Amino acid sequence: TEAILGPNESVLMYTDGIAEARAAFQGTSTPPPGTPSIDYGVERLLAFAQRNAEQTPRNLIDAIIRDVTAYCGPVPPHD
């Protein structure tokens, strides 16, 4: 795939480890039985990146890492 970026446009590449990072459930990354697991998700990543689009690439990366880490709670992301 080819794309031409215009002024002030950028590309955000990420691994599945970001999208599949799981919210912590009472100190564990495994939800209680019957509770659907809640991944960080591509939609949340996209919304976060759009809200923080004015940041430099390095600052955006750092902000995403902080947000994913906070989302996962006391259990670090598995990937």
N, C-alpha and C. Protein backbone atom coordinates (compact mmCIF):
# COMPACT_ATOMS: atom_id res chain seq x y z
N THR A 1 0.84 -1.17 0.00
CA THR A 1 0.00 0.00 0.00
C THR A 1 0.88 1.23 0.00
N GLU A 2 0.45 2.22 -0.72
CA GLU A 2 1.20 3.46 -0.84
C GLU A 2 0.30 4.61 -0.43
N ALA A 3 0.89 5.61 0.21
CA ALA A 3 0.13 6.80 0.59
C ALA A 3 1.06 8.00 0.54
N ILE A 4 0.51 9.12 0.22
CA ILE A 4 1.25 10.37 0.25
C ILE A 4 0.67 11.18 1.40
N LEU A 5 1.53 11.55 2.33
CA LEU A 5 1.07 12.32 3.47
C LEU A 5 1.14 13.80 3.14
N GLY A 6 0.12 14.49 3.55
CA GLY A 6 0.09 15.93 3.38
C GLY A 6 0.68 16.63 4.59
N PRO A 7 0.73 17.95 4.54
CA PRO A 7 1.24 18.70 5.68
C PRO A 7 0.45 18.37 6.94
N ASN A 8 1.15 18.23 8.03
CA ASN A 8 0.56 17.94 9.34
C ASN A 8 -0.13 16.58 9.42
N GLU A 9 0.13 15.69 8.49
CA GLU A 9 -0.39 14.32 8.57
C GLU A 9 0.74 13.41 9.03
N SER A 10 0.38 12.33 9.68
CA SER A 10 1.39 11.38 10.14
C SER A 10 0.80 9.97 10.13
N VAL A 11 1.67 9.01 10.34
CA VAL A 11 1.28 7.60 10.41
C VAL A 11 1.64 7.10 11.80
N LEU A 12 0.71 6.42 12.43
CA LEU A 12 0.97 5.81 13.73
C LEU A 12 1.01 4.30 13.53
N MET A 13 2.16 3.72 13.77
CA MET A 13 2.30 2.26 13.70
C MET A 13 2.36 1.73 15.12
N TYR A 14 1.73 0.60 15.32
CA TYR A 14 1.69 0.01 16.65
C TYR A 14 1.69 -1.51 16.53
N THR A 15 2.05 -2.16 17.61
CA THR A 15 2.02 -3.62 17.63
C THR A 15 0.71 -4.09 18.25
N ASP A 16 0.42 -5.36 18.07
CA ASP A 16 -0.80 -5.91 18.67
C ASP A 16 -0.74 -5.88 20.19
N GLY A 17 0.46 -5.76 20.74
CA GLY A 17 0.61 -5.67 22.19
C GLY A 17 -0.09 -4.45 22.77
N ILE A 18 -0.16 -3.37 22.00
CA ILE A 18 -0.88 -2.18 22.45
C ILE A 18 -2.38 -2.45 22.41
N ALA A 19 -2.89 -2.86 21.28
CA ALA A 19 -4.33 -3.07 21.12
C ALA A 19 -4.85 -4.18 22.02
N GLU A 20 -4.03 -5.18 22.31
CA GLU A 20 -4.48 -6.33 23.10
C GLU A 20 -4.12 -6.23 24.58
N ALA A 21 -3.56 -5.10 25.00
CA ALA A 21 -3.27 -4.92 26.43
C ALA A 21 -4.58 -4.98 27.20
N ARG A 22 -4.58 -5.71 28.29
CA ARG A 22 -5.82 -5.96 29.04
C ARG A 22 -5.91 -5.14 30.31
N ALA A 23 -7.11 -4.73 30.61
CA ALA A 23 -7.37 -4.03 31.88
C ALA A 23 -7.18 -5.02 33.02
N ALA A 24 -6.64 -4.53 34.11
CA ALA A 24 -6.43 -5.39 35.29
C ALA A 24 -7.75 -5.61 36.02
N PHE A 25 -7.91 -6.79 36.55
CA PHE A 25 -9.08 -7.13 37.35
C PHE A 25 -8.59 -7.58 38.72
N GLN A 26 -8.69 -6.70 39.68
CA GLN A 26 -8.30 -7.01 41.06
C GLN A 26 -6.92 -7.65 41.12
N GLY A 27 -5.94 -7.01 40.50
CA GLY A 27 -4.56 -7.47 40.60
C GLY A 27 -4.19 -8.59 39.65
N THR A 28 -5.05 -8.95 38.74
CA THR A 28 -4.73 -10.00 37.79
C THR A 28 -5.14 -9.56 36.40
N SER A 29 -4.49 -10.06 35.38
CA SER A 29 -4.86 -9.69 34.02
C SER A 29 -6.00 -10.57 33.49
N THR A 30 -6.48 -11.49 34.30
CA THR A 30 -7.56 -12.39 33.90
C THR A 30 -8.86 -11.94 34.55
N PRO A 31 -9.90 -11.66 33.77
CA PRO A 31 -11.16 -11.23 34.36
C PRO A 31 -11.84 -12.39 35.09
N PRO A 32 -12.73 -12.08 36.03
CA PRO A 32 -13.48 -13.14 36.70
C PRO A 32 -14.30 -13.93 35.68
N PRO A 33 -14.63 -15.19 35.98
CA PRO A 33 -15.43 -15.99 35.05
C PRO A 33 -16.72 -15.25 34.68
N GLY A 34 -17.05 -15.30 33.40
CA GLY A 34 -18.26 -14.65 32.92
C GLY A 34 -18.08 -13.19 32.56
N THR A 35 -16.92 -12.61 32.89
CA THR A 35 -16.65 -11.21 32.56
C THR A 35 -15.83 -11.17 31.28
N PRO A 36 -16.30 -10.43 30.28
CA PRO A 36 -15.51 -10.37 29.05
C PRO A 36 -14.20 -9.63 29.31
N SER A 37 -13.13 -10.09 28.67
CA SER A 37 -11.87 -9.38 28.82
C SER A 37 -11.99 -8.06 28.08
N ILE A 38 -11.35 -7.07 28.60
CA ILE A 38 -11.45 -5.74 28.02
C ILE A 38 -10.07 -5.32 27.53
N ASP A 39 -9.87 -5.42 26.23
CA ASP A 39 -8.62 -5.01 25.63
C ASP A 39 -8.58 -3.49 25.51
N TYR A 40 -7.37 -2.94 25.48
CA TYR A 40 -7.19 -1.50 25.25
C TYR A 40 -7.87 -1.12 23.94
N GLY A 41 -7.61 -1.86 22.90
CA GLY A 41 -8.33 -1.71 21.63
C GLY A 41 -7.80 -0.65 20.69
N VAL A 42 -8.05 -0.88 19.43
CA VAL A 42 -7.63 0.04 18.37
C VAL A 42 -8.42 1.35 18.46
N GLU A 43 -9.70 1.27 18.78
CA GLU A 43 -10.53 2.47 18.85
C GLU A 43 -10.01 3.42 19.93
N ARG A 44 -9.67 2.87 21.08
CA ARG A 44 -9.14 3.71 22.17
C ARG A 44 -7.81 4.31 21.77
N LEU A 45 -6.94 3.53 21.12
CA LEU A 45 -5.65 4.03 20.67
C LEU A 45 -5.84 5.17 19.68
N LEU A 46 -6.73 4.99 18.70
CA LEU A 46 -6.98 6.02 17.71
C LEU A 46 -7.50 7.30 18.37
N ALA A 47 -8.46 7.16 19.26
CA ALA A 47 -9.02 8.33 19.95
C ALA A 47 -7.95 9.04 20.76
N PHE A 48 -7.10 8.28 21.45
CA PHE A 48 -6.02 8.88 22.25
C PHE A 48 -5.06 9.62 21.34
N ALA A 49 -4.67 9.00 20.23
CA ALA A 49 -3.73 9.64 19.30
C ALA A 49 -4.34 10.91 18.71
N GLN A 50 -5.62 10.90 18.40
CA GLN A 50 -6.26 12.09 17.85
C GLN A 50 -6.32 13.22 18.87
N ARG A 51 -6.60 12.88 20.13
CA ARG A 51 -6.64 13.91 21.18
C ARG A 51 -5.26 14.50 21.46
N ASN A 52 -4.22 13.76 21.14
CA ASN A 52 -2.85 14.18 21.44
C ASN A 52 -2.03 14.44 20.18
N ALA A 53 -2.69 14.72 19.08
CA ALA A 53 -2.04 14.85 17.78
C ALA A 53 -1.05 16.01 17.72
N GLU A 54 -1.18 16.99 18.59
CA GLU A 54 -0.27 18.15 18.55
C GLU A 54 1.10 17.84 19.15
N GLN A 55 1.24 16.70 19.79
CA GLN A 55 2.51 16.35 20.42
C GLN A 55 3.54 15.92 19.38
N THR A 56 4.80 16.01 19.76
CA THR A 56 5.85 15.49 18.90
C THR A 56 5.73 13.98 18.85
N PRO A 57 6.27 13.34 17.83
CA PRO A 57 6.20 11.87 17.77
C PRO A 57 6.73 11.20 19.04
N ARG A 58 7.87 11.64 19.55
CA ARG A 58 8.45 11.03 20.76
C ARG A 58 7.51 11.20 21.95
N ASN A 59 6.96 12.40 22.11
CA ASN A 59 6.05 12.64 23.23
C ASN A 59 4.76 11.85 23.09
N LEU A 60 4.28 11.68 21.86
CA LEU A 60 3.08 10.88 21.64
C LEU A 60 3.33 9.42 22.01
N ILE A 61 4.47 8.90 21.59
CA ILE A 61 4.82 7.51 21.94
C ILE A 61 4.85 7.35 23.46
N ASP A 62 5.54 8.27 24.13
CA ASP A 62 5.63 8.20 25.60
C ASP A 62 4.26 8.28 26.24
N ALA A 63 3.39 9.16 25.71
CA ALA A 63 2.05 9.31 26.26
C ALA A 63 1.22 8.04 26.06
N ILE A 64 1.35 7.42 24.90
CA ILE A 64 0.62 6.16 24.64
C ILE A 64 1.09 5.08 25.61
N ILE A 65 2.39 4.97 25.80
CA ILE A 65 2.91 3.97 26.74
C ILE A 65 2.39 4.22 28.14
N ARG A 66 2.37 5.48 28.57
CA ARG A 66 1.83 5.80 29.91
C ARG A 66 0.35 5.44 30.01
N ASP A 67 -0.42 5.74 28.95
CA ASP A 67 -1.85 5.45 28.98
C ASP A 67 -2.12 3.95 29.01
N VAL A 68 -1.40 3.19 28.21
CA VAL A 68 -1.57 1.73 28.21
C VAL A 68 -1.17 1.16 29.56
N THR A 69 -0.09 1.63 30.12
CA THR A 69 0.37 1.14 31.43
C THR A 69 -0.67 1.46 32.50
N ALA A 70 -1.22 2.66 32.47
CA ALA A 70 -2.26 3.03 33.44
C ALA A 70 -3.51 2.17 33.25
N TYR A 71 -3.86 1.90 32.00
CA TYR A 71 -5.02 1.07 31.69
C TYR A 71 -4.87 -0.34 32.26
N CYS A 72 -3.67 -0.86 32.18
CA CYS A 72 -3.41 -2.22 32.66
C CYS A 72 -3.36 -2.30 34.18
N GLY A 73 -3.23 -1.16 34.85
CA GLY A 73 -3.20 -1.15 36.31
C GLY A 73 -1.94 -1.78 36.85
N PRO A 74 -2.06 -2.49 37.97
CA PRO A 74 -0.86 -3.02 38.62
C PRO A 74 -0.20 -4.18 37.87
N VAL A 75 -0.89 -4.73 36.89
CA VAL A 75 -0.34 -5.84 36.13
C VAL A 75 0.23 -5.27 34.84
N PRO A 76 1.55 -5.38 34.62
CA PRO A 76 2.12 -4.80 33.40
C PRO A 76 1.60 -5.50 32.15
N PRO A 77 1.58 -4.77 31.02
CA PRO A 77 1.14 -5.41 29.77
C PRO A 77 1.94 -6.69 29.52
N HIS A 78 1.29 -7.71 29.02
CA HIS A 78 1.92 -9.03 28.85
C HIS A 78 2.80 -9.10 27.61
N ASP A 79 2.72 -8.11 26.74
CA ASP A 79 3.39 -8.21 25.43
C ASP A 79 4.29 -7.04 25.19
